[in-house]
Amino acid sequence: MRKHHNRLYYGRFRHKTEFKIPGSLMFYPTTDDYLSTIKERYPDHPDMHYLSEFVMQNRKTMKFRFQDRKAIFYSDQRLAQ
């Protein structure tokens, strides 16, 4: 039986949010240390700062994947909005 990658969507995290981000693989690996070094490397990109800070603050309340040119977040309704 194949693994079903949408199992997060039907369990605890019922809302799936997808964003098209051209450089989304730049955030991989998603450890806190690496995300903080991204903020140091690119001081003139506020969008990258915001996304890395968002991931670090909400890591416990959501699941996420960076895949090809997409960022996929599984979360509750409040965080999805």
Protein backbone atom coordinates (compact mmCIF):
# COMPACT_ATOMS: atom_id res chain seq x y z
CA MET A 1 0.00 0.00 0.00
CA ARG A 2 1.34 3.40 -0.93
CA LYS A 3 1.79 6.17 1.58
CA HIS A 4 -0.82 8.86 1.40
CA HIS A 5 0.78 12.29 1.70
CA ASN A 6 -2.55 14.00 2.45
CA ARG A 7 -3.03 12.26 5.78
CA LEU A 8 -2.06 15.51 7.55
CA TYR A 9 -4.94 17.21 5.80
CA TYR A 10 -7.57 14.87 7.24
CA GLY A 11 -6.23 14.59 10.76
CA ARG A 12 -5.36 17.32 13.21
CA PHE A 13 -4.55 19.95 10.59
CA ARG A 14 -7.69 20.33 8.50
CA HIS A 15 -6.75 23.31 6.35
CA LYS A 16 -4.27 23.11 3.51
CA THR A 17 -2.74 26.31 2.13
CA GLU A 18 -0.52 26.37 -0.94
CA PHE A 19 1.65 29.25 -2.11
CA LYS A 20 3.70 29.55 -5.28
CA ILE A 21 7.15 30.67 -4.19
CA PRO A 22 9.84 30.49 -6.91
CA GLY A 23 12.79 30.08 -4.52
CA SER A 24 11.12 27.91 -1.92
CA LEU A 25 13.83 25.25 -1.93
CA MET A 26 16.20 27.87 -0.54
CA PHE A 27 14.55 27.31 2.87
CA TYR A 28 15.54 23.64 2.99
CA PRO A 29 16.64 22.30 5.52
CA THR A 30 14.13 23.97 7.79
CA THR A 31 15.99 23.89 11.08
CA ASP A 32 15.91 26.98 13.25
CA ASP A 33 19.68 27.45 12.85
CA TYR A 34 19.48 27.43 9.07
CA LEU A 35 16.49 29.77 8.98
CA SER A 36 18.32 32.25 11.18
CA THR A 37 21.36 32.11 8.87
CA ILE A 38 19.06 32.92 5.93
CA LYS A 39 18.05 36.08 7.74
CA GLU A 40 21.73 36.99 8.17
CA ARG A 41 22.71 36.20 4.56
CA TYR A 42 19.92 38.21 2.94
CA PRO A 43 19.40 41.34 5.03
CA ASP A 44 17.66 43.26 2.22
CA HIS A 45 14.84 40.72 1.57
CA PRO A 46 12.02 41.36 4.08
CA ASP A 47 9.76 38.66 2.58
CA MET A 48 12.33 35.96 3.30
CA HIS A 49 12.70 37.29 6.84
CA TYR A 50 8.95 37.17 7.35
CA LEU A 51 8.58 33.61 6.05
CA SER A 52 11.48 32.25 8.08
CA GLU A 53 10.21 33.98 11.22
CA PHE A 54 6.69 32.65 10.57
CA VAL A 55 7.98 29.08 10.28
CA MET A 56 10.07 29.38 13.44
CA GLN A 57 7.22 30.83 15.52
CA ASN A 58 4.47 28.46 14.34
CA ARG A 59 6.43 25.23 13.99
CA LYS A 60 4.47 23.51 16.77
CA THR A 61 1.02 24.45 15.45
CA MET A 62 1.43 23.50 11.79
CA LYS A 63 3.12 21.12 9.40
CA PHE A 64 4.70 22.32 6.19
CA ARG A 65 6.48 21.19 3.05
CA PHE A 66 8.61 23.05 0.56
CA GLN A 67 8.23 21.20 -2.72
CA ASP A 68 9.56 22.37 -6.08
CA ARG A 69 8.08 25.87 -6.43
CA LYS A 70 5.37 25.48 -3.80
CA ALA A 71 5.16 26.01 -0.09
CA ILE A 72 2.41 23.87 1.44
CA PHE A 73 1.15 24.54 4.97
CA TYR A 74 -1.21 22.27 6.92
CA SER A 75 -2.76 24.08 9.88
CA ASP A 76 -5.94 24.99 11.71
CA GLN A 77 -8.42 27.55 10.39
CA ARG A 78 -7.08 30.51 12.37
CA LEU A 79 -3.53 30.10 11.11
CA ALA A 80 -4.65 29.38 7.55
CA GLN A 81 -6.46 32.69 7.32
